[in-house]
N, C-alpha and C. Protein backbone atom coordinates (compact mmCIF):
# COMPACT_ATOMS: atom_id res chain seq x y z
N MET A 1 -192.77 31.07 23.45
CA MET A 1 -192.18 31.72 24.57
C MET A 1 -191.72 30.42 25.93
N HIS A 2 -191.02 30.73 26.33
CA HIS A 2 -190.68 29.48 27.38
C HIS A 2 -191.73 29.80 28.36
N PRO A 3 -191.94 28.55 29.15
CA PRO A 3 -193.27 28.89 29.91
C PRO A 3 -193.17 29.41 31.27
N MET A 4 -191.67 29.77 31.86
CA MET A 4 -191.29 30.32 33.06
C MET A 4 -190.72 31.86 32.73
N THR A 5 -191.23 32.25 31.27
CA THR A 5 -190.77 33.83 31.47
C THR A 5 -191.77 34.52 31.09
N LYS A 6 -192.17 35.31 31.62
CA LYS A 6 -193.41 36.19 31.43
C LYS A 6 -193.15 36.97 30.20
N ALA A 7 -194.26 37.37 30.18
CA ALA A 7 -194.28 38.40 28.73
C ALA A 7 -193.35 39.46 28.72
N THR A 8 -193.63 39.96 30.10
CA THR A 8 -192.96 41.27 30.90
C THR A 8 -191.30 41.47 29.98
N ASP A 9 -191.04 40.21 30.33
CA ASP A 9 -189.47 40.07 30.29
C ASP A 9 -188.82 40.02 28.57
N MET A 10 -190.28 39.99 27.90
CA MET A 10 -189.44 40.57 27.04
C MET A 10 -189.43 41.57 26.10
N THR A 11 -188.37 42.11 25.38
CA THR A 11 -188.13 43.13 25.18
C THR A 11 -188.28 43.00 23.61
N PRO A 12 -188.29 44.13 22.98
CA PRO A 12 -188.01 44.28 21.68
C PRO A 12 -186.84 43.64 20.95
N SER A 13 -185.69 44.01 21.40
CA SER A 13 -184.68 43.65 21.05
C SER A 13 -184.13 42.28 21.65
N ALA A 14 -185.40 41.64 22.47
CA ALA A 14 -184.86 40.54 23.27
C ALA A 14 -185.34 39.24 22.03
N LYS A 15 -186.93 40.11 21.49
CA LYS A 15 -187.23 38.74 20.51
C LYS A 15 -186.68 38.85 19.09
N ARG A 16 -185.62 40.43 18.81
CA ARG A 16 -185.70 40.80 16.96
C ARG A 16 -184.13 39.34 17.26
N LYS A 17 -183.74 38.84 16.17
CA LYS A 17 -183.03 38.34 15.88
C LYS A 17 -181.80 39.29 14.32
N ASP A 18 -181.45 40.08 14.44
CA ASP A 18 -180.61 40.14 13.08
C ASP A 18 -179.25 39.38 13.55
N HIS A 19 -179.11 39.07 12.32
CA HIS A 19 -177.83 38.31 11.33
C HIS A 19 -176.87 38.91 10.56
N PRO A 20 -175.31 39.39 11.07
CA PRO A 20 -174.61 39.73 10.16
C PRO A 20 -174.39 39.33 9.06
N LEU A 21 -173.95 40.26 7.61
CA LEU A 21 -173.70 39.86 6.31
C LEU A 21 -172.55 40.81 5.86
N SER A 22 -171.75 40.23 5.72
CA SER A 22 -170.69 40.72 5.21
C SER A 22 -170.38 40.25 3.95
N MET A 23 -169.78 41.75 3.03
CA MET A 23 -169.48 41.14 1.35
C MET A 23 -168.57 42.75 1.33
N ARG A 24 -167.78 42.32 0.59
CA ARG A 24 -166.73 43.39 -0.66
C ARG A 24 -166.97 43.67 -1.54
N LEU A 25 -167.03 44.73 -1.77
CA LEU A 25 -167.59 45.27 -3.25
C LEU A 25 -166.71 46.52 -3.76
N PRO A 26 -166.28 46.62 -4.56
CA PRO A 26 -165.37 47.55 -5.61
C PRO A 26 -166.11 48.90 -5.20
N GLU A 27 -165.23 49.91 -5.18
CA GLU A 27 -165.67 51.49 -4.95
C GLU A 27 -166.07 51.49 -5.58
N GLY A 28 -166.50 51.65 -7.01
CA GLY A 28 -167.82 51.65 -7.91
C GLY A 28 -169.31 51.53 -7.50
N ASP A 29 -169.20 50.15 -6.80
CA ASP A 29 -170.27 49.66 -6.33
C ASP A 29 -170.74 50.72 -5.17
N ILE A 30 -170.06 50.63 -4.38
CA ILE A 30 -169.79 51.76 -3.02
C ILE A 30 -170.92 52.57 -3.36
N ALA A 31 -170.13 53.30 -4.65
CA ALA A 31 -170.47 54.85 -5.28
C ALA A 31 -171.64 55.33 -5.17
N ILE A 32 -172.13 54.14 -5.84
CA ILE A 32 -173.48 53.99 -7.05
C ILE A 32 -174.66 53.92 -5.86
N ILE A 33 -174.47 52.37 -4.79
CA ILE A 33 -175.20 52.39 -3.71
C ILE A 33 -175.65 53.93 -3.23
N ASP A 34 -174.40 54.44 -2.64
CA ASP A 34 -174.20 55.16 -1.62
C ASP A 34 -175.22 56.30 -2.42
N ARG A 35 -175.07 56.73 -3.74
CA ARG A 35 -175.90 57.72 -4.20
C ARG A 35 -177.40 57.37 -4.05
N ALA A 36 -177.67 56.10 -4.37
CA ALA A 36 -179.14 55.54 -4.30
C ALA A 36 -179.50 55.91 -2.95
N ALA A 37 -179.01 55.68 -2.26
CA ALA A 37 -178.92 55.19 -0.84
C ALA A 37 -179.27 56.71 -0.39
N ASP A 38 -178.54 57.67 -0.45
CA ASP A 38 -179.15 59.49 -0.33
C ASP A 38 -179.99 59.78 -0.71
N LEU A 39 -180.30 59.71 -2.29
CA LEU A 39 -181.52 59.90 -2.92
C LEU A 39 -183.01 59.42 -2.48
N ARG A 40 -182.52 58.24 -1.45
CA ARG A 40 -183.75 57.48 -0.48
C ARG A 40 -184.07 57.75 0.61
N GLY A 41 -182.84 58.57 1.47
CA GLY A 41 -182.88 59.33 2.59
C GLY A 41 -182.83 58.18 3.18
N ARG A 42 -181.61 56.94 2.50
CA ARG A 42 -181.56 56.14 3.52
C ARG A 42 -180.28 55.47 3.93
N SER A 43 -179.91 55.11 5.04
CA SER A 43 -178.65 54.10 5.28
C SER A 43 -178.21 53.05 4.28
N ARG A 44 -176.86 53.20 3.83
CA ARG A 44 -176.35 52.12 3.27
C ARG A 44 -176.94 51.06 3.44
N THR A 45 -176.71 50.40 4.96
CA THR A 45 -177.57 48.91 5.50
C THR A 45 -178.93 49.07 5.15
N ASP A 46 -179.71 50.06 5.20
CA ASP A 46 -181.24 49.94 5.15
C ASP A 46 -181.33 49.51 3.33
N PHE A 47 -180.54 50.36 2.50
CA PHE A 47 -180.96 50.26 1.33
C PHE A 47 -180.34 49.11 0.82
N VAL A 48 -179.16 48.70 1.26
CA VAL A 48 -179.31 47.09 0.17
C VAL A 48 -179.99 46.21 0.74
N ARG A 49 -179.96 46.34 2.17
CA ARG A 49 -181.05 45.50 3.14
C ARG A 49 -182.30 45.17 1.88
N GLU A 50 -182.92 46.07 1.84
CA GLU A 50 -184.33 46.44 1.20
C GLU A 50 -184.02 45.86 -0.35
N ALA A 51 -183.15 46.21 -1.31
CA ALA A 51 -183.01 45.74 -2.47
C ALA A 51 -182.81 44.04 -2.40
N ALA A 52 -181.69 43.76 -1.86
CA ALA A 52 -181.36 42.01 -1.05
C ALA A 52 -182.71 41.29 -1.00
N VAL A 53 -183.70 41.74 -0.07
CA VAL A 53 -184.77 41.40 0.14
C VAL A 53 -186.15 41.45 -0.89
N ARG A 54 -186.07 42.76 -1.73
CA ARG A 54 -187.14 42.70 -2.55
C ARG A 54 -186.50 41.83 -3.99
N ALA A 55 -185.31 42.01 -4.35
CA ALA A 55 -185.14 40.88 -5.22
C ALA A 55 -185.01 39.55 -5.07
N ALA A 56 -184.97 39.03 -3.54
CA ALA A 56 -184.95 37.65 -3.36
C ALA A 56 -186.50 37.12 -3.65
N GLU A 57 -187.62 37.82 -2.54
CA GLU A 57 -189.01 38.07 -3.23
C GLU A 57 -189.61 37.55 -4.54
N GLU A 58 -188.69 38.56 -5.40
CA GLU A 58 -189.19 38.34 -7.11
C GLU A 58 -188.58 37.50 -7.36
N VAL A 59 -187.41 36.50 -6.91
CA VAL A 59 -186.48 34.95 -7.44
C VAL A 59 -187.95 33.95 -7.14
N LEU A 60 -188.54 34.59 -5.71
CA LEU A 60 -189.47 33.57 -4.93
C LEU A 60 -190.81 33.45 -5.92
N MET A 61 -191.09 34.50 -6.56
CA MET A 61 -192.27 34.56 -6.91
C MET A 61 -192.31 34.27 -8.04
N GLU A 62 -191.17 34.09 -8.56
CA GLU A 62 -191.13 33.70 -10.33
C GLU A 62 -191.13 32.27 -9.64
N SER A 63 -190.88 31.43 -9.05
CA SER A 63 -190.83 30.02 -8.81
C SER A 63 -191.46 29.73 -7.96
N THR A 64 -192.69 29.99 -7.55
CA THR A 64 -194.02 29.87 -6.80
C THR A 64 -194.89 29.01 -7.67
N LEU A 65 -195.06 27.76 -6.98
CA LEU A 65 -196.10 27.13 -7.75
C LEU A 65 -197.18 28.04 -7.79
N VAL A 66 -198.61 28.04 -8.54
CA VAL A 66 -199.92 28.46 -8.03
C VAL A 66 -200.71 27.16 -8.54
N ARG A 67 -201.34 27.01 -7.26
CA ARG A 67 -202.23 25.98 -7.72
C ARG A 67 -203.82 25.79 -7.22
N MET A 68 -204.94 26.04 -8.37
CA MET A 68 -206.00 26.32 -8.41
C MET A 68 -207.09 25.04 -8.93
N SER A 69 -208.30 25.06 -8.34
CA SER A 69 -209.41 24.08 -8.89
C SER A 69 -209.52 24.49 -10.65
N PRO A 70 -209.76 23.22 -11.22
CA PRO A 70 -210.67 23.40 -12.39
C PRO A 70 -211.58 24.69 -12.62
N GLU A 71 -211.95 24.48 -11.69
CA GLU A 71 -213.29 26.06 -11.45
C GLU A 71 -212.28 26.75 -11.60
N GLY A 72 -211.91 26.86 -10.87
CA GLY A 72 -211.03 28.67 -10.53
C GLY A 72 -209.56 29.17 -11.58
N PHE A 73 -209.43 27.92 -12.75
CA PHE A 73 -208.78 27.60 -13.61
C PHE A 73 -209.43 28.71 -14.81
N GLU A 74 -210.46 28.02 -14.54
CA GLU A 74 -211.49 28.24 -15.81
C GLU A 74 -211.80 29.79 -15.91
N ALA A 75 -212.29 29.82 -14.49
CA ALA A 75 -212.78 31.45 -14.41
C ALA A 75 -211.49 32.62 -14.70
N PHE A 76 -210.49 31.90 -14.05
CA PHE A 76 -209.25 32.84 -14.55
C PHE A 76 -208.80 33.04 -16.46
N THR A 77 -208.63 32.31 -16.82
CA THR A 77 -208.73 32.03 -18.23
C THR A 77 -210.31 33.08 -18.96
N GLN A 78 -211.47 33.61 -18.45
CA GLN A 78 -211.88 33.68 -19.19
C GLN A 78 -211.58 34.95 -18.46
N ALA A 79 -211.52 35.40 -17.48
CA ALA A 79 -211.10 36.69 -17.31
C ALA A 79 -209.91 37.23 -17.93
N VAL A 80 -208.63 36.21 -18.15
CA VAL A 80 -207.66 37.07 -19.23
C VAL A 80 -207.94 36.97 -20.33
N SER A 81 -209.04 36.34 -21.05
CA SER A 81 -209.43 36.17 -22.14
C SER A 81 -210.71 37.13 -22.56
N ALA A 82 -211.53 37.82 -22.05
CA ALA A 82 -212.51 38.81 -21.76
C ALA A 82 -211.70 40.21 -22.67
N PRO A 83 -212.10 40.88 -23.72
CA PRO A 83 -211.74 41.76 -24.02
C PRO A 83 -211.81 42.89 -23.04
N ALA A 84 -210.47 43.74 -23.47
CA ALA A 84 -210.06 44.69 -22.38
C ALA A 84 -211.23 46.41 -22.45
N ALA A 85 -211.75 46.14 -21.34
CA ALA A 85 -212.57 47.69 -20.79
C ALA A 85 -211.78 48.58 -20.77
N PRO A 86 -212.15 50.02 -21.02
CA PRO A 86 -211.34 50.82 -20.31
C PRO A 86 -211.34 51.69 -18.89
N VAL A 87 -210.49 51.90 -18.44
CA VAL A 87 -210.48 52.25 -16.96
C VAL A 87 -210.47 54.21 -16.89
N PRO A 88 -211.92 54.39 -16.86
CA PRO A 88 -211.92 55.59 -16.86
C PRO A 88 -210.78 56.63 -16.44
N GLU A 89 -210.68 56.22 -15.25
CA GLU A 89 -209.30 57.25 -14.92
C GLU A 89 -207.95 56.92 -15.13
N MET A 90 -207.73 55.71 -15.95
CA MET A 90 -206.50 55.41 -16.61
C MET A 90 -206.22 56.48 -17.94
N VAL A 91 -207.56 56.33 -18.34
CA VAL A 91 -207.94 57.18 -19.76
C VAL A 91 -207.72 58.38 -19.07
N ALA A 92 -208.33 59.18 -18.75
CA ALA A 92 -208.17 60.99 -17.88
C ALA A 92 -206.96 60.99 -17.82
N SER A 93 -206.38 60.06 -16.88
CA SER A 93 -204.63 60.41 -16.85
C SER A 93 -203.77 60.47 -18.14
N LEU A 94 -204.02 59.85 -19.16
CA LEU A 94 -203.64 59.57 -20.48
C LEU A 94 -203.66 60.75 -20.96
N ARG A 95 -204.87 61.87 -21.14
CA ARG A 95 -205.19 62.71 -21.59
C ARG A 95 -204.22 63.99 -21.13
N ARG A 96 -204.26 64.32 -19.66
CA ARG A 96 -203.94 65.20 -18.71
C ARG A 96 -202.16 65.31 -19.38
N ARG A 97 -202.27 66.45 -19.89
CA ARG A 97 -200.29 66.91 -19.86
C ARG A 97 -199.65 67.00 -18.79
N ALA A 98 -198.47 66.77 -18.83
CA ALA A 98 -197.59 66.57 -18.26
C ALA A 98 -196.74 68.42 -17.58
N PRO A 99 -196.56 68.14 -16.50
CA PRO A 99 -196.37 69.23 -15.71
C PRO A 99 -195.03 70.34 -16.57
N TRP A 100 -194.09 69.62 -17.72
CA TRP A 100 -193.39 69.85 -18.08
C TRP A 100 -193.85 70.65 -19.81
N GLU A 101 -195.00 69.86 -20.23
CA GLU A 101 -195.53 69.95 -21.42
C GLU A 101 -197.07 71.45 -21.51
N LYS A 102 -196.36 71.98 -20.49
CA LYS A 102 -197.41 73.45 -20.12
C LYS A 102 -197.70 73.84 -21.93
N GLY A 103 -196.96 74.28 -22.79
CA GLY A 103 -197.27 74.99 -24.12
C GLY A 103 -197.48 73.83 -24.94
N ALA A 104 -197.51 72.40 -24.63
CA ALA A 104 -198.00 71.49 -25.55
C ALA A 104 -199.39 71.42 -26.27
N ALA A 105 -200.08 70.65 -27.43
CA ALA A 105 -201.47 70.95 -27.38
C ALA A 105 -201.78 69.42 -26.36
N LYS A 106 -203.28 69.65 -26.25
CA LYS A 106 -203.68 69.08 -25.55
C LYS A 106 -203.86 67.34 -25.95
N ARG A 107 -204.11 65.84 -25.22
CA ARG A 107 -203.94 64.81 -25.69
C ARG A 107 -205.14 64.53 -26.34
């Protein structure tokens, strides 16, 4: 913030900087995006923005280098190499019948 600017002068809209993004899409792409956005109760713009940001985050996470100490790496390899232990909540969930399986035998 500039030293001469008071905190009260900064409205929320003054702090936020949006950048326009324009693209041309085939009618079929727009139709499927609109259907999905409607199912989520979102506008087309919100839906596309959220999907694009999520895809960008996935790409960045895939290419992010993780650094750790030799001790940390040893602890990590021991944790992922250890035998799996059942999680009682997951076991119970898998044994529960789905709502559409009312007449089905219990697993």
